[in-house]
Amino acid sequence: MASFTPQEENGYVVRKSSSEESKDVGSDQESSHYLQARQKLENLLNKNMRIRMTDGRTLIGSFLCTDRNCNVILGSAQEYLKSADPFSAGEPRVLGLAMVPGHHIVSISVELETLTSPQYL
């Protein structure tokens, strides 16, 4: 037999069974993980990132946003092509605002200098 606990939501008394309450505990843990992940992403906003793509290109720019599909928006982005000669530093192509599809991302790294600059500490 399920027990019910009355709770007030928006001025109405809502009854929840004990099984529903245990589901709420699980959802509280999920929301806690969600909030932690969101906080980590918010801490990365406006930091310089280096994104390597599946075709060998590298984009460097300021992290502006992402979405559920892991697409990334970079501001002031520059594109570096994969060079056959490891000693040649290729000229970057200035892209400005760039959207990188999540399925083309191989790796993402945050540039250390933006993490340690005084404005982010």
C-alpha atoms as a PDB file:
ATOM      1  CA  MET A   1       0.000   0.000   0.000  1.00  0.00           C
ATOM      2  CA  ALA A   2       1.468   3.354  -1.013  1.00  0.00           C
ATOM      3  CA  SER A   3       1.628   6.191   1.481  1.00  0.00           C
ATOM      4  CA  PHE A   4       0.905   9.779   0.485  1.00  0.00           C
ATOM      5  CA  THR A   5       2.591  12.933   1.719  1.00  0.00           C
ATOM      6  CA  PRO A   6       0.784  16.228   1.110  1.00  0.00           C
ATOM      7  CA  GLN A   7       2.878  19.056  -0.318  1.00  0.00           C
ATOM      8  CA  GLU A   8       1.938  22.558  -1.330  1.00  0.00           C
ATOM      9  CA  GLU A   9       2.761  23.743  -4.845  1.00  0.00           C
ATOM     10  CA  ASN A  10       1.553  27.083  -6.193  1.00  0.00           C
ATOM     11  CA  GLY A  11      -1.103  27.369  -3.487  1.00  0.00           C
ATOM     12  CA  TYR A  12      -2.482  23.856  -4.094  1.00  0.00           C
ATOM     13  CA  VAL A  13      -1.996  20.792  -1.935  1.00  0.00           C
ATOM     14  CA  VAL A  14      -0.453  18.018  -3.999  1.00  0.00           C
ATOM     15  CA  ARG A  15      -0.261  14.463  -2.759  1.00  0.00           C
ATOM     16  CA  LYS A  16       2.714  12.376  -3.755  1.00  0.00           C
ATOM     17  CA  SER A  17       3.097   8.669  -3.125  1.00  0.00           C
ATOM     18  CA  SER A  18       6.268   7.383  -1.483  1.00  0.00           C
ATOM     19  CA  SER A  19       7.353   5.926  -4.831  1.00  0.00           C
ATOM     20  CA  GLU A  20       7.011   9.370  -6.440  1.00  0.00           C
ATOM     21  CA  GLU A  21       9.038  10.902  -3.605  1.00  0.00           C
ATOM     22  CA  SER A  22      11.871   8.419  -4.212  1.00  0.00           C
ATOM     23  CA  LYS A  23      11.805   9.460  -7.883  1.00  0.00           C
ATOM     24  CA  ASP A  24      12.144  13.086  -6.735  1.00  0.00           C
ATOM     25  CA  VAL A  25      15.291  12.187  -4.765  1.00  0.00           C
ATOM     26  CA  GLY A  26      16.777  10.756  -7.973  1.00  0.00           C
ATOM     27  CA  SER A  27      15.758  13.841  -9.893  1.00  0.00           C
ATOM     28  CA  ASP A  28      17.357  16.022  -7.181  1.00  0.00           C
ATOM     29  CA  GLN A  29      20.642  14.194  -7.740  1.00  0.00           C
ATOM     30  CA  GLU A  30      20.266  14.617 -11.507  1.00  0.00           C
ATOM     31  CA  SER A  31      19.555  18.318 -11.114  1.00  0.00           C
ATOM     32  CA  SER A  32      22.612  18.619  -8.870  1.00  0.00           C
ATOM     33  CA  HIS A  33      24.783  17.077 -11.607  1.00  0.00           C
ATOM     34  CA  TYR A  34      23.094  19.323 -14.154  1.00  0.00           C
ATOM     35  CA  LEU A  35      23.841  22.416 -12.067  1.00  0.00           C
ATOM     36  CA  GLN A  36      27.493  21.382 -11.618  1.00  0.00           C
ATOM     37  CA  ALA A  37      27.911  20.817 -15.349  1.00  0.00           C
ATOM     38  CA  ARG A  38      26.223  24.118 -16.119  1.00  0.00           C
ATOM     39  CA  GLN A  39      28.525  25.922 -13.664  1.00  0.00           C
ATOM     40  CA  LYS A  40      31.601  24.395 -15.327  1.00  0.00           C
ATOM     41  CA  LEU A  41      30.393  25.571 -18.741  1.00  0.00           C
ATOM     42  CA  GLU A  42      29.623  29.046 -17.408  1.00  0.00           C
ATOM     43  CA  ASN A  43      33.170  29.248 -16.026  1.00  0.00           C
ATOM     44  CA  LEU A  44      34.487  28.618 -19.543  1.00  0.00           C
ATOM     45  CA  LEU A  45      32.530  31.469 -21.138  1.00  0.00           C
ATOM     46  CA  ASN A  46      34.770  33.986 -22.935  1.00  0.00           C
ATOM     47  CA  LYS A  47      37.861  31.821 -22.426  1.00  0.00           C
ATOM     48  CA  ASN A  48      40.104  31.136 -25.431  1.00  0.00           C
ATOM     49  CA  MET A  49      39.670  27.593 -26.703  1.00  0.00           C
ATOM     50  CA  ARG A  50      41.484  25.465 -29.226  1.00  0.00           C
ATOM     51  CA  ILE A  51      39.206  23.037 -31.084  1.00  0.00           C
ATOM     52  CA  ARG A  52      40.675  20.283 -33.267  1.00  0.00           C
ATOM     53  CA  MET A  53      38.341  19.008 -35.958  1.00  0.00           C
ATOM     54  CA  THR A  54      38.022  15.689 -37.784  1.00  0.00           C
ATOM     55  CA  ASP A  55      39.411  17.130 -41.040  1.00  0.00           C
ATOM     56  CA  GLY A  56      42.626  18.298 -39.353  1.00  0.00           C
ATOM     57  CA  ARG A  57      41.743  21.972 -39.003  1.00  0.00           C
ATOM     58  CA  THR A  58      42.189  23.779 -35.702  1.00  0.00           C
ATOM     59  CA  LEU A  59      40.034  26.689 -34.619  1.00  0.00           C
ATOM     60  CA  ILE A  60      41.060  29.082 -31.874  1.00  0.00           C
ATOM     61  CA  GLY A  61      38.583  31.548 -30.477  1.00  0.00           C
ATOM     62  CA  SER A  62      36.588  32.769 -27.525  1.00  0.00           C
ATOM     63  CA  PHE A  63      33.983  30.282 -26.230  1.00  0.00           C
ATOM     64  CA  LEU A  64      30.549  31.894 -26.462  1.00  0.00           C
ATOM     65  CA  CYS A  65      28.012  29.070 -26.207  1.00  0.00           C
ATOM     66  CA  THR A  66      27.113  25.455 -26.843  1.00  0.00           C
ATOM     67  CA  ASP A  67      23.907  23.446 -27.227  1.00  0.00           C
ATOM     68  CA  ARG A  68      22.508  19.973 -26.590  1.00  0.00           C
ATOM     69  CA  ASN A  69      24.151  18.641 -29.759  1.00  0.00           C
ATOM     70  CA  CYS A  70      27.594  19.789 -28.556  1.00  0.00           C
ATOM     71  CA  ASN A  71      27.831  22.420 -31.287  1.00  0.00           C
ATOM     72  CA  VAL A  72      30.169  25.204 -30.176  1.00  0.00           C
ATOM     73  CA  ILE A  73      30.099  28.896 -31.053  1.00  0.00           C
ATOM     74  CA  LEU A  74      33.479  30.660 -31.047  1.00  0.00           C
ATOM     75  CA  GLY A  75      33.919  34.421 -31.287  1.00  0.00           C
ATOM     76  CA  SER A  76      36.946  36.053 -32.916  1.00  0.00           C
ATOM     77  CA  ALA A  77      37.835  32.648 -34.337  1.00  0.00           C
ATOM     78  CA  GLN A  78      40.913  31.889 -36.414  1.00  0.00           C
ATOM     79  CA  GLU A  79      41.347  28.769 -38.511  1.00  0.00           C
ATOM     80  CA  TYR A  80      44.657  26.943 -38.858  1.00  0.00           C
ATOM     81  CA  LEU A  81      45.003  24.332 -41.586  1.00  0.00           C
ATOM     82  CA  LYS A  82      46.814  21.060 -41.004  1.00  0.00           C
ATOM     83  CA  SER A  83      50.270  21.455 -42.448  1.00  0.00           C
ATOM     84  CA  ALA A  84      52.307  18.672 -44.060  1.00  0.00           C
ATOM     85  CA  ASP A  85      55.472  20.381 -42.788  1.00  0.00           C
ATOM     86  CA  PRO A  86      55.536  20.363 -38.948  1.00  0.00           C
ATOM     87  CA  PHE A  87      58.035  23.266 -38.852  1.00  0.00           C
ATOM     88  CA  SER A  88      55.952  25.686 -40.866  1.00  0.00           C
ATOM     89  CA  ALA A  89      53.613  27.901 -38.911  1.00  0.00           C
ATOM     90  CA  GLY A  90      50.727  28.455 -41.300  1.00  0.00           C
ATOM     91  CA  GLU A  91      48.991  31.784 -41.566  1.00  0.00           C
ATOM     92  CA  PRO A  92      45.656  31.736 -39.770  1.00  0.00           C
ATOM     93  CA  ARG A  93      42.476  32.551 -41.626  1.00  0.00           C
ATOM     94  CA  VAL A  94      40.301  34.975 -39.663  1.00  0.00           C
ATOM     95  CA  LEU A  95      36.737  33.685 -39.413  1.00  0.00           C
ATOM     96  CA  GLY A  96      35.192  35.933 -36.791  1.00  0.00           C
ATOM     97  CA  LEU A  97      32.077  34.219 -35.419  1.00  0.00           C
ATOM     98  CA  ALA A  98      32.167  30.481 -36.120  1.00  0.00           C
ATOM     99  CA  MET A  99      29.866  27.566 -35.359  1.00  0.00           C
ATOM    100  CA  VAL A 100      31.618  24.216 -35.017  1.00  0.00           C
ATOM    101  CA  PRO A 101      29.338  21.169 -35.395  1.00  0.00           C
ATOM    102  CA  GLY A 102      29.702  18.853 -32.414  1.00  0.00           C
ATOM    103  CA  HIS A 103      30.133  15.731 -34.563  1.00  0.00           C
ATOM    104  CA  HIS A 104      33.258  17.279 -36.176  1.00  0.00           C
ATOM    105  CA  ILE A 105      35.016  18.024 -32.864  1.00  0.00           C
ATOM    106  CA  VAL A 106      37.957  15.777 -31.981  1.00  0.00           C
ATOM    107  CA  SER A 107      39.231  17.676 -28.949  1.00  0.00           C
ATOM    108  CA  ILE A 108      38.743  20.917 -27.057  1.00  0.00           C
ATOM    109  CA  SER A 109      41.352  22.570 -24.874  1.00  0.00           C
ATOM    110  CA  VAL A 110      41.272  25.825 -22.960  1.00  0.00           C
ATOM    111  CA  GLU A 111      44.320  28.037 -23.327  1.00  0.00           C
ATOM    112  CA  LEU A 112      46.115  28.271 -20.002  1.00  0.00           C
ATOM    113  CA  GLU A 113      46.791  32.012 -20.183  1.00  0.00           C
ATOM    114  CA  THR A 114      43.056  32.799 -20.118  1.00  0.00           C
ATOM    115  CA  LEU A 115      42.513  30.553 -17.115  1.00  0.00           C
ATOM    116  CA  THR A 116      45.214  32.255 -15.053  1.00  0.00           C
ATOM    117  CA  SER A 117      44.646  35.858 -16.070  1.00  0.00           C
ATOM    118  CA  PRO A 118      43.609  38.116 -13.133  1.00  0.00           C
ATOM    119  CA  GLN A 119      40.161  38.895 -14.539  1.00  0.00           C
ATOM    120  CA  TYR A 120      39.170  35.175 -14.306  1.00  0.00           C
ATOM    121  CA  LEU A 121      40.607  34.404 -10.864  1.00  0.00           C
END
